[in-house]
Amino acid sequence: MSTEREIDEHSGVETTGHEWDGIKELNHPLPRWWLWVWYACILFAIGYWIAYPAWPMLHGFTHGMLGYSQRQTVSNEIKAARAGQIKYVDAIQSTALADIQKAPELLTFALTGGRIAFLNNCSGCHGHNATGSPGFPNLAADRWLWGGKLDDIYKTIRVGVRSTGKDTRQSQMPHFGSDKILDSGQIGDVSEFVLSLSGRSKDPAASDRGKQIFADNCAACHGAEGKGNAEFGAPDLTTSIWLYGGGKEDIAQSIFVGHGGVMPTWQGRLDDTTIKELALYVHSLGGGQ
């Protein structure tokens, strides 16, 4: 590397004296406008450090001469938003669900709050659009395990299903296979009969054998015609809506193990106003009765 300055013969520009593998570095000064912008940024940064919170310290941070606090600004904005909402929150708390539906402005507020609460608390299981997934009910459909009226939905959200709350909804389908109540042949036959309830059976003989097995073991909860019973949380087996899959293997597996999903008890986790908003939102999705 040479330290001698010289003029480059091709460009006529002075070199810096640095050379690598025969390549010489030209001494092009930075544009004056760029330098002034750079100096201005340095001055702005110094001014910002002095005026606003900037430097972390061992205990806390520098607060700046202006005493600005973004945390306090956000806190004030939240307080202002809550103050604007309080009349609606109080109204929802003191108004029956059916009456909220009759008040357009109040209902709009409740549905907005319900959707936010749903996305924050329920979408992880039921999906962003509430269409569910295997083991998690589709809340936009018109079939309900525990009833789809407003009060039914409100109660289910409040107490949960097979959860820890003392008033939680309880139901338990027997483990027909794992507890050896039915053998594999009987499970296959009753599965075929269940398929026949929605017109999908391909084995009439097996379906006929399964009919009596169904009457002896399943009709008490699902009904003689398999239309379900919301009092027990027993699903309607005559539709195309299935919680754990509607193929014969899926049905046989459900009969074998009995399944028993859990929905949290939201009372105590969410306030009653939020639970009401959730009930109204879920009911509005299109499947509410």
C-alpha atoms as a PDB file:
ATOM      1  CA  MET A   1       0.000   0.000   0.000  1.00  0.00           C
ATOM      2  CA  SER A   2       1.430   3.347  -1.039  1.00  0.00           C
ATOM      3  CA  THR A   3       1.008   6.504   1.077  1.00  0.00           C
ATOM      4  CA  GLU A   4       2.134   8.922  -1.658  1.00  0.00           C
ATOM      5  CA  ARG A   5      -0.660  11.121  -3.004  1.00  0.00           C
ATOM      6  CA  GLU A   6      -0.977  11.463  -6.728  1.00  0.00           C
ATOM      7  CA  ILE A   7      -3.393  12.463  -9.466  1.00  0.00           C
ATOM      8  CA  ASP A   8      -5.137   9.584 -11.198  1.00  0.00           C
ATOM      9  CA  GLU A   9      -4.218   9.756 -14.890  1.00  0.00           C
ATOM     10  CA  HIS A  10      -7.626   8.521 -16.091  1.00  0.00           C
ATOM     11  CA  SER A  11      -9.981  10.677 -13.981  1.00  0.00           C
ATOM     12  CA  GLY A  12      -7.730  13.579 -13.035  1.00  0.00           C
ATOM     13  CA  VAL A  13      -8.820  13.161  -9.395  1.00  0.00           C
ATOM     14  CA  GLU A  14      -6.344  13.085  -6.538  1.00  0.00           C
ATOM     15  CA  THR A  15      -5.955   9.673  -4.948  1.00  0.00           C
ATOM     16  CA  THR A  16      -5.974   8.992  -1.231  1.00  0.00           C
ATOM     17  CA  GLY A  17      -2.738   7.076  -1.461  1.00  0.00           C
ATOM     18  CA  HIS A  18      -4.472   3.758  -0.786  1.00  0.00           C
ATOM     19  CA  GLU A  19      -3.939   1.023  -3.323  1.00  0.00           C
ATOM     20  CA  TRP A  20      -5.057  -2.612  -3.357  1.00  0.00           C
ATOM     21  CA  ASP A  21      -4.040  -5.010  -6.072  1.00  0.00           C
ATOM     22  CA  GLY A  22      -3.331  -2.166  -8.440  1.00  0.00           C
ATOM     23  CA  ILE A  23      -6.641  -0.426  -7.718  1.00  0.00           C
ATOM     24  CA  LYS A  24      -6.212   3.145  -6.415  1.00  0.00           C
ATOM     25  CA  GLU A  25      -8.805   4.870  -4.222  1.00  0.00           C
ATOM     26  CA  LEU A  26      -9.908   8.281  -5.485  1.00  0.00           C
ATOM     27  CA  ASN A  27     -10.376  11.101  -3.023  1.00  0.00           C
ATOM     28  CA  HIS A  28     -13.989  12.153  -3.723  1.00  0.00           C
ATOM     29  CA  PRO A  29     -15.197  14.456  -0.914  1.00  0.00           C
ATOM     30  CA  LEU A  30     -18.774  13.971   0.284  1.00  0.00           C
ATOM     31  CA  PRO A  31     -21.319  16.383  -1.238  1.00  0.00           C
ATOM     32  CA  ARG A  32     -21.672  19.520   0.832  1.00  0.00           C
ATOM     33  CA  TRP A  33     -25.459  19.103   1.159  1.00  0.00           C
ATOM     34  CA  TRP A  34     -24.965  15.608   2.582  1.00  0.00           C
ATOM     35  CA  LEU A  35     -22.529  16.917   5.183  1.00  0.00           C
ATOM     36  CA  TRP A  36     -24.970  19.648   6.288  1.00  0.00           C
ATOM     37  CA  VAL A  37     -27.751  17.069   6.625  1.00  0.00           C
ATOM     38  CA  TRP A  38     -25.436  14.875   8.682  1.00  0.00           C
ATOM     39  CA  TYR A  39     -24.492  17.772  10.973  1.00  0.00           C
ATOM     40  CA  ALA A  40     -28.174  18.675  11.356  1.00  0.00           C
ATOM     41  CA  CYS A  41     -29.000  15.104  12.353  1.00  0.00           C
ATOM     42  CA  ILE A  42     -26.263  15.187  15.006  1.00  0.00           C
ATOM     43  CA  LEU A  43     -27.631  18.445  16.415  1.00  0.00           C
ATOM     44  CA  PHE A  44     -31.186  17.049  16.366  1.00  0.00           C
ATOM     45  CA  ALA A  45     -30.049  13.916  18.201  1.00  0.00           C
ATOM     46  CA  ILE A  46     -28.328  15.963  20.901  1.00  0.00           C
ATOM     47  CA  GLY A  47     -31.436  18.128  21.274  1.00  0.00           C
ATOM     48  CA  TYR A  48     -33.638  15.032  21.476  1.00  0.00           C
ATOM     49  CA  TRP A  49     -31.435  13.486  24.182  1.00  0.00           C
ATOM     50  CA  ILE A  50     -31.790  16.676  26.233  1.00  0.00           C
ATOM     51  CA  ALA A  51     -35.525  17.260  25.682  1.00  0.00           C
ATOM     52  CA  TYR A  52     -36.983  13.718  25.734  1.00  0.00           C
ATOM     53  CA  PRO A  53     -36.482  10.461  27.657  1.00  0.00           C
ATOM     54  CA  ALA A  54     -33.482   8.843  26.033  1.00  0.00           C
ATOM     55  CA  TRP A  55     -30.737   7.205  28.028  1.00  0.00           C
ATOM     56  CA  PRO A  56     -31.160   4.102  30.200  1.00  0.00           C
ATOM     57  CA  MET A  57     -29.537   4.413  33.608  1.00  0.00           C
ATOM     58  CA  LEU A  58     -28.694   1.970  36.369  1.00  0.00           C
ATOM     59  CA  HIS A  59     -31.981   2.848  38.080  1.00  0.00           C
ATOM     60  CA  GLY A  60     -34.515   4.178  35.586  1.00  0.00           C
ATOM     61  CA  PHE A  61     -33.721   6.502  32.681  1.00  0.00           C
ATOM     62  CA  THR A  62     -33.211  10.167  31.784  1.00  0.00           C
ATOM     63  CA  HIS A  63     -36.611  11.877  31.699  1.00  0.00           C
ATOM     64  CA  GLY A  64     -35.701  14.858  29.529  1.00  0.00           C
ATOM     65  CA  MET A  65     -36.385  18.539  30.110  1.00  0.00           C
ATOM     66  CA  LEU A  66     -39.887  18.366  28.582  1.00  0.00           C
ATOM     67  CA  GLY A  67     -40.990  15.576  30.934  1.00  0.00           C
ATOM     68  CA  TYR A  68     -42.693  13.764  28.068  1.00  0.00           C
ATOM     69  CA  SER A  69     -43.943  10.222  28.755  1.00  0.00           C
ATOM     70  CA  GLN A  70     -45.350   8.064  25.982  1.00  0.00           C
ATOM     71  CA  ARG A  71     -46.625   5.641  28.626  1.00  0.00           C
ATOM     72  CA  GLN A  72     -48.630   8.453  30.206  1.00  0.00           C
ATOM     73  CA  THR A  73     -49.919   9.555  26.805  1.00  0.00           C
ATOM     74  CA  VAL A  74     -51.197   6.054  26.049  1.00  0.00           C
ATOM     75  CA  SER A  75     -52.678   5.803  29.551  1.00  0.00           C
ATOM     76  CA  ASN A  76     -54.558   9.072  29.035  1.00  0.00           C
ATOM     77  CA  GLU A  77     -55.856   7.891  25.651  1.00  0.00           C
ATOM     78  CA  ILE A  78     -57.105   4.642  27.193  1.00  0.00           C
ATOM     79  CA  LYS A  79     -58.843   6.551  29.986  1.00  0.00           C
ATOM     80  CA  ALA A  80     -60.495   8.836  27.429  1.00  0.00           C
ATOM     81  CA  ALA A  81     -61.650   5.839  25.364  1.00  0.00           C
ATOM     82  CA  ARG A  82     -63.078   4.122  28.429  1.00  0.00           C
ATOM     83  CA  ALA A  83     -64.858   7.281  29.465  1.00  0.00           C
ATOM     84  CA  GLY A  84     -66.520   7.393  26.051  1.00  0.00           C
ATOM     85  CA  GLN A  85     -67.554   3.735  26.320  1.00  0.00           C
ATOM     86  CA  ILE A  86     -68.802   3.707  29.882  1.00  0.00           C
ATOM     87  CA  LYS A  87     -72.422   4.513  29.017  1.00  0.00           C
ATOM     88  CA  TYR A  88     -72.567   1.541  26.647  1.00  0.00           C
ATOM     89  CA  VAL A  89     -70.783  -0.783  29.068  1.00  0.00           C
ATOM     90  CA  ASP A  90     -73.177   0.165  31.871  1.00  0.00           C
ATOM     91  CA  ALA A  91     -76.160  -0.282  29.560  1.00  0.00           C
ATOM     92  CA  ILE A  92     -75.034  -3.759  28.472  1.00  0.00           C
ATOM     93  CA  GLN A  93     -74.457  -4.767  32.064  1.00  0.00           C
ATOM     94  CA  SER A  94     -77.953  -3.745  33.130  1.00  0.00           C
ATOM     95  CA  THR A  95     -79.912  -4.779  30.011  1.00  0.00           C
ATOM     96  CA  ALA A  96     -81.234  -8.231  29.144  1.00  0.00           C
ATOM     97  CA  LEU A  97     -79.697  -9.885  26.095  1.00  0.00           C
ATOM     98  CA  ALA A  98     -82.967  -9.890  24.146  1.00  0.00           C
ATOM     99  CA  ASP A  99     -83.440  -6.170  24.816  1.00  0.00           C
ATOM    100  CA  ILE A 100     -79.901  -5.366  23.656  1.00  0.00           C
ATOM    101  CA  GLN A 101     -80.814  -6.905  20.296  1.00  0.00           C
ATOM    102  CA  LYS A 102     -83.635  -4.378  19.997  1.00  0.00           C
ATOM    103  CA  ALA A 103     -81.328  -1.368  20.545  1.00  0.00           C
ATOM    104  CA  PRO A 104     -79.339  -0.872  17.299  1.00  0.00           C
ATOM    105  CA  GLU A 105     -76.667   1.463  18.676  1.00  0.00           C
ATOM    106  CA  LEU A 106     -76.089  -0.642  21.784  1.00  0.00           C
ATOM    107  CA  LEU A 107     -76.085  -3.852  19.730  1.00  0.00           C
ATOM    108  CA  THR A 108     -73.454  -2.466  17.345  1.00  0.00           C
ATOM    109  CA  PHE A 109     -71.204  -1.609  20.283  1.00  0.00           C
ATOM    110  CA  ALA A 110     -71.759  -5.052  21.842  1.00  0.00           C
ATOM    111  CA  LEU A 111     -71.017  -6.914  18.593  1.00  0.00           C
ATOM    112  CA  THR A 112     -67.794  -4.957  18.106  1.00  0.00           C
ATOM    113  CA  GLY A 113     -66.679  -5.722  21.642  1.00  0.00           C
ATOM    114  CA  GLY A 114     -67.767  -9.341  21.243  1.00  0.00           C
ATOM    115  CA  ARG A 115     -65.695  -9.842  18.114  1.00  0.00           C
ATOM    116  CA  ILE A 116     -62.599  -8.410  19.812  1.00  0.00           C
ATOM    117  CA  ALA A 117     -63.166 -10.627  22.857  1.00  0.00           C
ATOM    118  CA  PHE A 118     -63.704 -13.628  20.564  1.00  0.00           C
ATOM    119  CA  LEU A 119     -60.449 -13.062  18.691  1.00  0.00           C
ATOM    120  CA  ASN A 120     -58.558 -12.632  21.954  1.00  0.00           C
ATOM    121  CA  ASN A 121     -60.042 -15.581  23.832  1.00  0.00           C
ATOM    122  CA  CYS A 122     -61.873 -18.020  21.552  1.00  0.00           C
ATOM    123  CA  SER A 123     -60.345 -18.011  18.078  1.00  0.00           C
ATOM    124  CA  GLY A 124     -57.433 -20.189  19.167  1.00  0.00           C
ATOM    125  CA  CYS A 125     -59.856 -23.146  19.315  1.00  0.00           C
ATOM    126  CA  HIS A 126     -62.857 -22.122  17.211  1.00  0.00           C
ATOM    127  CA  GLY A 127     -60.888 -20.371  14.475  1.00  0.00           C
ATOM    128  CA  HIS A 128     -60.703 -16.763  13.300  1.00  0.00           C
ATOM    129  CA  ASN A 129     -64.093 -17.046  11.572  1.00  0.00           C
ATOM    130  CA  ALA A 130     -65.602 -19.319  14.260  1.00  0.00           C
ATOM    131  CA  THR A 131     -65.903 -22.211  11.802  1.00  0.00           C
ATOM    132  CA  GLY A 132     -64.156 -24.590  14.196  1.00  0.00           C
ATOM    133  CA  SER A 133     -61.925 -27.584  13.514  1.00  0.00           C
ATOM    134  CA  PRO A 134     -61.957 -31.271  14.508  1.00  0.00           C
ATOM    135  CA  GLY A 135     -62.914 -31.348  18.174  1.00  0.00           C
ATOM    136  CA  PHE A 136     -63.940 -27.682  18.268  1.00  0.00           C
ATOM    137  CA  PRO A 137     -67.524 -26.779  17.264  1.00  0.00           C
ATOM    138  CA  ASN A 138     -68.414 -24.654  14.270  1.00  0.00           C
ATOM    139  CA  LEU A 139     -70.194 -21.666  15.831  1.00  0.00           C
ATOM    140  CA  ALA A 140     -71.401 -20.333  12.483  1.00  0.00           C
ATOM    141  CA  ALA A 141     -73.493 -23.446  11.785  1.00  0.00           C
ATOM    142  CA  ASP A 142     -77.086 -24.050  12.864  1.00  0.00           C
ATOM    143  CA  ARG A 143     -76.425 -27.036  15.128  1.00  0.00           C
ATOM    144  CA  TRP A 144     -75.771 -26.608  18.830  1.00  0.00           C
ATOM    145  CA  LEU A 145     -74.746 -29.163  21.432  1.00  0.00           C
ATOM    146  CA  TRP A 146     -76.168 -27.119  24.298  1.00  0.00           C
ATOM    147  CA  GLY A 147     -78.714 -24.962  22.481  1.00  0.00           C
ATOM    148  CA  GLY A 148     -78.277 -21.973  20.201  1.00  0.00           C
ATOM    149  CA  LYS A 149     -80.586 -19.422  21.804  1.00  0.00           C
ATOM    150  CA  LEU A 150     -79.003 -16.308  23.260  1.00  0.00           C
ATOM    151  CA  ASP A 151     -79.440 -17.435  26.851  1.00  0.00           C
ATOM    152  CA  ASP A 152     -78.088 -20.909  26.011  1.00  0.00           C
ATOM    153  CA  ILE A 153     -74.958 -19.467  24.414  1.00  0.00           C
ATOM    154  CA  TYR A 154     -74.490 -17.035  27.287  1.00  0.00           C
ATOM    155  CA  LYS A 155     -74.683 -19.845  29.839  1.00  0.00           C
ATOM    156  CA  THR A 156     -72.303 -22.093  27.918  1.00  0.00           C
ATOM    157  CA  ILE A 157     -69.696 -19.322  27.721  1.00  0.00           C
ATOM    158  CA  ARG A 158     -70.179 -18.417  31.364  1.00  0.00           C
ATOM    159  CA  VAL A 159     -69.999 -21.906  32.937  1.00  0.00           C
ATOM    160  CA  GLY A 160     -68.014 -23.817  30.295  1.00  0.00           C
ATOM    161  CA  VAL A 161     -68.254 -27.480  29.388  1.00  0.00           C
ATOM    162  CA  ARG A 162     -66.694 -30.212  31.519  1.00  0.00           C
ATOM    163  CA  SER A 163     -64.590 -27.483  33.056  1.00  0.00           C
ATOM    164  CA  THR A 164     -63.550 -26.501  36.574  1.00  0.00           C
ATOM    165  CA  GLY A 165     -66.550 -24.306  37.429  1.00  0.00           C
ATOM    166  CA  LYS A 166     -69.035 -25.794  39.859  1.00  0.00           C
ATOM    167  CA  ASP A 167     -71.953 -25.091  37.499  1.00  0.00           C
ATOM    168  CA  THR A 168     -70.173 -26.179  34.321  1.00  0.00           C
ATOM    169  CA  ARG A 169     -72.182 -28.095  31.759  1.00  0.00           C
ATOM    170  CA  GLN A 170     -71.543 -31.815  32.104  1.00  0.00           C
ATOM    171  CA  SER A 171     -71.933 -34.685  29.678  1.00  0.00           C
ATOM    172  CA  GLN A 172     -69.958 -37.815  29.099  1.00  0.00           C
ATOM    173  CA  MET A 173     -70.261 -40.241  26.242  1.00  0.00           C
ATOM    174  CA  PRO A 174     -69.318 -43.741  27.459  1.00  0.00           C
ATOM    175  CA  HIS A 175     -66.054 -45.264  26.256  1.00  0.00           C
ATOM    176  CA  PHE A 176     -67.879 -48.099  24.534  1.00  0.00           C
ATOM    177  CA  GLY A 177     -64.759 -49.708  23.136  1.00  0.00           C
ATOM    178  CA  SER A 178     -61.994 -48.982  25.628  1.00  0.00           C
ATOM    179  CA  ASP A 179     -64.305 -49.941  28.526  1.00  0.00           C
ATOM    180  CA  LYS A 180     -65.385 -53.089  26.629  1.00  0.00           C
ATOM    181  CA  ILE A 181     -69.078 -52.192  26.663  1.00  0.00           C
ATOM    182  CA  LEU A 182     -69.276 -53.094  22.966  1.00  0.00           C
ATOM    183  CA  ASP A 183     -66.992 -55.298  20.904  1.00  0.00           C
ATOM    184  CA  SER A 184     -65.452 -54.249  17.600  1.00  0.00           C
ATOM    185  CA  GLY A 185     -68.198 -55.936  15.561  1.00  0.00           C
ATOM    186  CA  GLN A 186     -70.941 -54.130  17.457  1.00  0.00           C
ATOM    187  CA  ILE A 187     -69.108 -50.812  17.098  1.00  0.00           C
ATOM    188  CA  GLY A 188     -68.840 -51.392  13.345  1.00  0.00           C
ATOM    189  CA  ASP A 189     -72.553 -52.176  13.089  1.00  0.00           C
ATOM    190  CA  VAL A 190     -73.730 -49.214  15.145  1.00  0.00           C
ATOM    191  CA  SER A 191     -71.376 -46.941  13.164  1.00  0.00           C
ATOM    192  CA  GLU A 192     -73.075 -48.145   9.994  1.00  0.00           C
ATOM    193  CA  PHE A 193     -76.472 -47.408  11.533  1.00  0.00           C
ATOM    194  CA  VAL A 194     -75.327 -43.887  12.462  1.00  0.00           C
ATOM    195  CA  LEU A 195     -74.292 -43.385   8.832  1.00  0.00           C
ATOM    196  CA  SER A 196     -77.781 -44.465   7.782  1.00  0.00           C
ATOM    197  CA  LEU A 197     -79.288 -41.626   9.826  1.00  0.00           C
ATOM    198  CA  SER A 198     -77.885 -39.189   7.284  1.00  0.00           C
ATOM    199  CA  GLY A 199     -78.515 -41.491   4.294  1.00  0.00           C
ATOM    200  CA  ARG A 200     -74.894 -42.593   3.860  1.00  0.00           C
ATOM    201  CA  SER A 201     -74.958 -46.269   4.828  1.00  0.00           C
ATOM    202  CA  LYS A 202     -73.568 -48.708   2.250  1.00  0.00           C
ATOM    203  CA  ASP A 203     -74.168 -51.871   4.241  1.00  0.00           C
ATOM    204  CA  PRO A 204     -77.899 -52.376   4.986  1.00  0.00           C
ATOM    205  CA  ALA A 205     -77.328 -55.634   6.872  1.00  0.00           C
ATOM    206  CA  ALA A 206     -74.816 -54.045   9.261  1.00  0.00           C
ATOM    207  CA  SER A 207     -77.101 -51.023   9.660  1.00  0.00           C
ATOM    208  CA  ASP A 208     -80.014 -53.284  10.617  1.00  0.00           C
ATOM    209  CA  ARG A 209     -77.878 -55.004  13.246  1.00  0.00           C
ATOM    210  CA  GLY A 210     -76.680 -51.652  14.547  1.00  0.00           C
ATOM    211  CA  LYS A 211     -80.199 -50.271  14.936  1.00  0.00           C
ATOM    212  CA  GLN A 212     -80.911 -52.325  18.051  1.00  0.00           C
ATOM    213  CA  ILE A 213     -77.453 -51.641  19.466  1.00  0.00           C
ATOM    214  CA  PHE A 214     -78.146 -47.935  19.015  1.00  0.00           C
ATOM    215  CA  ALA A 215     -81.540 -48.248  20.708  1.00  0.00           C
ATOM    216  CA  ASP A 216     -80.015 -50.073  23.686  1.00  0.00           C
ATOM    217  CA  ASN A 217     -76.949 -47.887  24.185  1.00  0.00           C
ATOM    218  CA  CYS A 218     -77.279 -44.515  22.436  1.00  0.00           C
ATOM    219  CA  ALA A 219     -80.932 -43.514  22.113  1.00  0.00           C
ATOM    220  CA  ALA A 220     -81.213 -42.397  25.745  1.00  0.00           C
ATOM    221  CA  CYS A 221     -79.057 -39.353  24.926  1.00  0.00           C
ATOM    222  CA  HIS A 222     -79.214 -38.972  21.142  1.00  0.00           C
ATOM    223  CA  GLY A 223     -82.910 -39.835  20.834  1.00  0.00           C
ATOM    224  CA  ALA A 224     -84.541 -42.759  19.052  1.00  0.00           C
ATOM    225  CA  GLU A 225     -84.106 -40.985  15.710  1.00  0.00           C
ATOM    226  CA  GLY A 226     -80.618 -39.704  16.497  1.00  0.00           C
ATOM    227  CA  LYS A 227     -81.629 -36.037  16.481  1.00  0.00           C
ATOM    228  CA  GLY A 228     -79.744 -35.250  19.671  1.00  0.00           C
ATOM    229  CA  ASN A 229     -80.708 -33.546  22.904  1.00  0.00           C
ATOM    230  CA  ALA A 230     -79.351 -30.154  23.986  1.00  0.00           C
ATOM    231  CA  GLU A 231     -80.188 -30.960  27.596  1.00  0.00           C
ATOM    232  CA  PHE A 232     -77.410 -33.564  27.600  1.00  0.00           C
ATOM    233  CA  GLY A 233     -75.114 -31.927  25.070  1.00  0.00           C
ATOM    234  CA  ALA A 234     -75.800 -34.873  22.753  1.00  0.00           C
ATOM    235  CA  PRO A 235     -75.257 -33.999  19.067  1.00  0.00           C
ATOM    236  CA  ASP A 236     -77.740 -34.479  16.249  1.00  0.00           C
ATOM    237  CA  LEU A 237     -76.444 -37.467  14.254  1.00  0.00           C
ATOM    238  CA  THR A 238     -78.720 -36.904  11.262  1.00  0.00           C
ATOM    239  CA  THR A 239     -76.837 -33.905   9.847  1.00  0.00           C
ATOM    240  CA  SER A 240     -73.585 -33.450   7.930  1.00  0.00           C
ATOM    241  CA  ILE A 241     -72.001 -31.531  10.821  1.00  0.00           C
ATOM    242  CA  TRP A 242     -69.549 -33.635  12.807  1.00  0.00           C
ATOM    243  CA  LEU A 243     -67.339 -32.571  15.683  1.00  0.00           C
ATOM    244  CA  TYR A 244     -64.756 -35.335  15.260  1.00  0.00           C
ATOM    245  CA  GLY A 245     -65.349 -36.299  11.623  1.00  0.00           C
ATOM    246  CA  GLY A 246     -68.272 -38.018   9.891  1.00  0.00           C
ATOM    247  CA  GLY A 247     -66.618 -40.913   8.096  1.00  0.00           C
ATOM    248  CA  LYS A 248     -67.261 -44.457   9.313  1.00  0.00           C
ATOM    249  CA  GLU A 249     -63.790 -44.738  10.839  1.00  0.00           C
ATOM    250  CA  ASP A 250     -64.247 -41.382  12.585  1.00  0.00           C
ATOM    251  CA  ILE A 251     -67.624 -42.425  13.990  1.00  0.00           C
ATOM    252  CA  ALA A 252     -66.260 -45.780  15.132  1.00  0.00           C
ATOM    253  CA  GLN A 253     -63.350 -44.032  16.852  1.00  0.00           C
ATOM    254  CA  SER A 254     -65.744 -41.648  18.631  1.00  0.00           C
ATOM    255  CA  ILE A 255     -67.813 -44.595  19.854  1.00  0.00           C
ATOM    256  CA  PHE A 256     -64.683 -46.469  20.958  1.00  0.00           C
ATOM    257  CA  VAL A 257     -63.040 -43.670  23.017  1.00  0.00           C
ATOM    258  CA  GLY A 258     -66.085 -41.526  23.861  1.00  0.00           C
ATOM    259  CA  HIS A 259     -64.344 -38.144  23.411  1.00  0.00           C
ATOM    260  CA  GLY A 260     -64.917 -35.387  25.949  1.00  0.00           C
ATOM    261  CA  GLY A 261     -63.597 -31.969  25.032  1.00  0.00           C
ATOM    262  CA  VAL A 262     -63.324 -29.167  27.557  1.00  0.00           C
ATOM    263  CA  MET A 263     -64.404 -25.550  27.183  1.00  0.00           C
ATOM    264  CA  PRO A 264     -63.107 -23.195  29.903  1.00  0.00           C
ATOM    265  CA  THR A 265     -65.391 -21.624  32.474  1.00  0.00           C
ATOM    266  CA  TRP A 266     -65.142 -17.958  31.470  1.00  0.00           C
ATOM    267  CA  GLN A 267     -66.962 -16.606  34.507  1.00  0.00           C
ATOM    268  CA  GLY A 268     -64.251 -15.092  36.665  1.00  0.00           C
ATOM    269  CA  ARG A 269     -61.876 -14.779  33.727  1.00  0.00           C
ATOM    270  CA  LEU A 270     -64.044 -12.303  31.835  1.00  0.00           C
ATOM    271  CA  ASP A 271     -66.491  -9.804  33.285  1.00  0.00           C
ATOM    272  CA  ASP A 272     -70.198 -10.298  32.712  1.00  0.00           C
ATOM    273  CA  THR A 273     -70.404  -7.474  30.180  1.00  0.00           C
ATOM    274  CA  THR A 274     -67.773  -9.136  27.994  1.00  0.00           C
ATOM    275  CA  ILE A 275     -69.523 -12.512  28.278  1.00  0.00           C
ATOM    276  CA  LYS A 276     -72.765 -10.871  27.139  1.00  0.00           C
ATOM    277  CA  GLU A 277     -70.952  -9.289  24.201  1.00  0.00           C
ATOM    278  CA  LEU A 278     -69.485 -12.664  23.286  1.00  0.00           C
ATOM    279  CA  ALA A 279     -72.907 -14.330  23.430  1.00  0.00           C
ATOM    280  CA  LEU A 280     -74.401 -11.666  21.167  1.00  0.00           C
ATOM    281  CA  TYR A 281     -71.502 -11.911  18.721  1.00  0.00           C
ATOM    282  CA  VAL A 282     -71.568 -15.708  18.494  1.00  0.00           C
ATOM    283  CA  HIS A 283     -75.357 -15.627  18.089  1.00  0.00           C
ATOM    284  CA  SER A 284     -74.979 -13.140  15.233  1.00  0.00           C
ATOM    285  CA  LEU A 285     -72.647 -15.355  13.215  1.00  0.00           C
ATOM    286  CA  GLY A 286     -75.544 -16.988  11.456  1.00  0.00           C
ATOM    287  CA  GLY A 287     -76.120 -20.144  13.428  1.00  0.00           C
ATOM    288  CA  GLY A 288     -77.940 -18.740  16.423  1.00  0.00           C
ATOM    289  CA  GLN A 289     -81.462 -20.010  17.006  1.00  0.00           C
END
